Amino acid sequence: MFGTALSIPIPDIDRTDHILMLGANPLASNGSLMTAPDYPGLLKELRARGGKLVVVDPRRSKTAEAADEHLFIRPGTDAHFLFAIVHTLFAEQLVSPGDVAAHVNGFDDVERLARDFAPDDVALVCGIDAETIRRAALELAGAPRAAVYARIGTCTQEFGTLASWLVDVVNCLTGNLDRAGG
């Protein structure tokens, strides 16, 4: 997506208001690609700003325990969940890519691909109810500064590449790719 294997967007945790995290456990890994000293302290600062951490994970990790919300997902269905987020963003007319709009294309293709992933249909697959999926999309789109972040847990599954791409797609569709707090 970015022309090189090392061009991986990293959440700006110091300035974000909302993080949707999938397949990552930064309280155990110290952030992996998002390495930062005192990760628990950064989460406290996020909350002090009125921010929120939502963890999507099939297991109760240290980070999930510390999150504001933990969404238990059926293993291997992260791409379905993310496609339902994309579906909701288009259905609710919440797509607002901001400054990156001039640098990307294929919005119509992404919307077409997401049509078959309505939250009501995806809920049966991923085990997260449709209203929670819709709310997650609305919160991302409504946050002043938000980031979707995923790590190894989303990569080591049947649709891992698709899930990784969809993380970037959601960040792009919500205007949070390559911006402060995103």
Protein backbone atom coordinates (compact mmCIF):
# COMPACT_ATOMS: atom_id res chain seq x y z
CA MET A 1 0.00 0.00 0.00
CA PHE A 2 2.85 2.39 0.74
CA GLY A 3 5.51 1.16 -1.69
CA THR A 4 7.91 -0.33 0.87
CA ALA A 5 7.75 -2.91 3.62
CA LEU A 6 8.91 -0.43 6.24
CA SER A 7 6.24 2.21 5.63
CA ILE A 8 3.91 1.22 8.43
CA PRO A 9 1.74 3.90 10.03
CA ILE A 10 2.19 4.07 13.79
CA PRO A 11 -0.49 5.59 16.04
CA ASP A 12 0.28 8.96 17.55
CA ILE A 13 -0.65 7.82 21.06
CA ASP A 14 0.51 11.11 22.61
CA ARG A 15 -2.16 13.09 20.75
CA THR A 16 -4.95 10.66 19.92
CA ASP A 17 -8.42 10.68 21.45
CA HIS A 18 -9.51 7.17 20.47
CA ILE A 19 -7.62 3.95 19.71
CA LEU A 20 -9.19 0.83 18.24
CA MET A 21 -6.58 -1.87 18.76
CA LEU A 22 -6.68 -5.36 17.22
CA GLY A 23 -4.30 -8.26 17.79
CA ALA A 24 -1.90 -6.24 19.91
CA ASN A 25 -0.88 -6.35 23.55
CA PRO A 26 1.37 -3.33 24.12
CA LEU A 27 1.26 -3.69 27.91
CA ALA A 28 3.17 -6.94 27.41
CA SER A 29 5.23 -5.98 24.33
CA ASN A 30 5.86 -2.33 25.28
CA GLY A 31 4.07 -1.29 22.12
CA SER A 32 5.82 -3.40 19.46
CA LEU A 33 6.00 -0.94 16.55
CA MET A 34 4.41 1.65 18.78
CA THR A 35 7.23 1.28 21.34
CA ALA A 36 7.10 3.95 23.97
CA PRO A 37 8.31 4.25 27.54
CA ASP A 38 5.67 3.90 30.25
CA TYR A 39 2.86 2.57 28.10
CA PRO A 40 0.50 2.37 31.13
CA GLY A 41 1.21 6.06 31.75
CA LEU A 42 0.38 6.89 28.13
CA LEU A 43 -2.98 5.14 28.53
CA LYS A 44 -3.65 7.21 31.65
CA GLU A 45 -2.85 10.37 29.69
CA LEU A 46 -5.19 9.22 26.91
CA ARG A 47 -8.02 8.91 29.44
CA ALA A 48 -7.11 12.23 31.08
CA ARG A 49 -7.71 13.84 27.66
CA GLY A 50 -11.12 12.16 27.60
CA GLY A 51 -9.88 9.49 25.21
CA LYS A 52 -10.81 5.84 24.90
CA LEU A 53 -9.00 2.57 24.22
CA VAL A 54 -11.04 -0.23 22.64
CA VAL A 55 -9.30 -3.60 22.34
CA VAL A 56 -10.58 -6.22 19.89
CA ASP A 57 -9.10 -9.56 20.89
CA PRO A 58 -10.35 -13.13 21.38
CA ARG A 59 -8.48 -13.35 24.66
CA ARG A 60 -8.26 -11.24 27.78
CA SER A 61 -4.73 -9.86 27.47
CA LYS A 62 -3.13 -7.37 29.85
CA THR A 63 -4.03 -4.60 27.44
CA ALA A 64 -7.62 -5.84 27.11
CA GLU A 65 -7.94 -5.81 30.90
CA ALA A 66 -6.73 -2.20 30.98
CA ALA A 67 -8.94 -1.06 28.07
CA ASP A 68 -12.07 1.03 28.37
CA GLU A 69 -13.80 -1.63 26.30
CA HIS A 70 -12.83 -5.16 25.28
CA LEU A 71 -14.60 -6.67 22.30
CA PHE A 72 -14.19 -10.44 22.22
CA ILE A 73 -13.84 -11.45 18.58
CA ARG A 74 -13.93 -14.94 17.12
CA PRO A 75 -10.34 -15.81 16.11
CA GLY A 76 -9.57 -15.25 12.43
CA THR A 77 -12.42 -12.83 11.75
CA ASP A 78 -10.69 -9.46 12.09
CA ALA A 79 -11.06 -8.74 8.36
CA HIS A 80 -14.81 -9.33 8.61
CA PHE A 81 -15.07 -6.94 11.56
CA LEU A 82 -13.02 -4.27 9.79
CA PHE A 83 -15.03 -4.65 6.57
CA ALA A 84 -18.20 -4.13 8.64
CA ILE A 85 -16.64 -0.92 10.00
CA VAL A 86 -15.96 0.17 6.40
CA HIS A 87 -19.51 -0.78 5.39
CA THR A 88 -20.90 1.36 8.22
CA LEU A 89 -18.72 4.35 7.36
CA PHE A 90 -20.08 4.35 3.81
CA ALA A 91 -23.68 3.52 4.81
CA GLU A 92 -23.77 6.35 7.35
CA GLN A 93 -21.98 8.75 4.96
CA LEU A 94 -19.12 9.18 7.41
CA VAL A 95 -16.26 8.79 4.93
CA SER A 96 -14.06 11.85 5.30
CA PRO A 97 -10.46 11.17 4.24
CA GLY A 98 -9.22 14.71 4.81
CA ASP A 99 -5.80 15.60 3.46
CA VAL A 100 -5.00 12.13 2.14
CA ALA A 101 -7.90 12.25 -0.36
CA ALA A 102 -5.61 13.78 -2.99
CA HIS A 103 -3.18 10.86 -2.64
CA VAL A 104 -5.49 7.85 -2.74
CA ASN A 105 -7.92 6.32 -5.17
CA GLY A 106 -10.37 3.44 -5.24
CA PHE A 107 -13.00 4.73 -2.82
CA ASP A 108 -15.78 3.43 -5.07
CA ASP A 109 -14.08 0.02 -5.25
CA VAL A 110 -13.75 -0.16 -1.47
CA GLU A 111 -17.39 0.81 -1.00
CA ARG A 112 -18.44 -1.88 -3.48
CA LEU A 113 -16.30 -4.51 -1.73
CA ALA A 114 -17.75 -3.58 1.67
CA ARG A 115 -21.40 -3.90 0.60
CA ASP A 116 -21.53 -7.60 1.49
CA PHE A 117 -20.24 -6.96 5.02
CA ALA A 118 -23.20 -5.36 6.77
CA PRO A 119 -22.82 -5.47 10.57
CA ASP A 120 -25.91 -7.66 10.90
CA ASP A 121 -24.30 -10.30 8.67
CA VAL A 122 -20.80 -9.97 10.09
CA ALA A 123 -21.99 -10.26 13.70
CA LEU A 124 -22.77 -13.92 13.12
CA VAL A 125 -19.25 -14.52 11.81
CA CYS A 126 -17.13 -12.54 14.25
CA GLY A 127 -19.22 -12.84 17.41
CA ILE A 128 -19.51 -9.10 18.01
CA ASP A 129 -23.08 -7.86 17.83
CA ALA A 130 -24.12 -5.54 15.00
CA GLU A 131 -24.88 -2.55 17.23
CA THR A 132 -21.42 -2.74 18.79
CA ILE A 133 -19.83 -2.85 15.34
CA ARG A 134 -21.86 0.18 14.25
CA ARG A 135 -20.99 2.04 17.46
CA ALA A 136 -17.29 1.28 16.97
CA ALA A 137 -17.46 2.79 13.47
CA LEU A 138 -19.37 5.84 14.70
CA GLU A 139 -16.91 6.42 17.54
CA LEU A 140 -13.96 6.25 15.17
CA ALA A 141 -15.57 8.65 12.74
CA GLY A 142 -16.71 10.97 15.51
CA ALA A 143 -13.48 11.21 17.48
CA PRO A 144 -11.49 14.40 16.86
CA ARG A 145 -8.33 12.29 16.48
CA ALA A 146 -8.44 8.50 16.23
CA ALA A 147 -6.27 5.58 15.23
CA VAL A 148 -6.83 1.96 14.34
CA TYR A 149 -3.80 -0.14 15.24
CA ALA A 150 -3.20 -3.83 14.62
CA ARG A 151 -0.27 -6.15 15.12
CA ILE A 152 0.69 -9.78 14.87
CA GLY A 153 -2.65 -11.14 16.09
CA THR A 154 -4.33 -9.90 12.92
CA CYS A 155 -1.54 -11.04 10.60
CA THR A 156 -1.30 -14.69 11.56
CA GLN A 157 -4.65 -15.82 10.23
CA GLU A 158 -6.26 -16.76 6.93
CA PHE A 159 -7.16 -13.17 5.95
CA GLY A 160 -4.26 -11.46 7.72
CA THR A 161 -3.08 -9.40 4.76
CA LEU A 162 -6.62 -8.22 4.12
CA ALA A 163 -7.04 -7.28 7.79
CA SER A 164 -3.78 -5.30 7.71
CA TRP A 165 -4.90 -3.47 4.57
CA LEU A 166 -8.31 -2.73 6.10
CA VAL A 167 -6.67 -1.12 9.14
CA ASP A 168 -5.08 1.39 6.77
CA VAL A 169 -8.32 1.74 4.81
CA VAL A 170 -10.30 2.60 7.96
CA ASN A 171 -7.64 5.09 9.06
CA CYS A 172 -7.80 6.64 5.59
CA LEU A 173 -11.61 6.73 5.35
CA THR A 174 -11.88 8.48 8.72
CA GLY A 175 -9.22 11.06 7.86
CA ASN A 176 -6.81 9.74 10.47
CA LEU A 177 -4.01 8.49 8.24
CA ASP A 178 -0.90 10.68 8.32
CA ARG A 179 -2.21 13.30 10.72
CA ALA A 180 -1.52 14.33 14.29
CA GLY A 181 -3.33 12.04 16.71
CA GLY A 182 -3.99 9.48 14.00
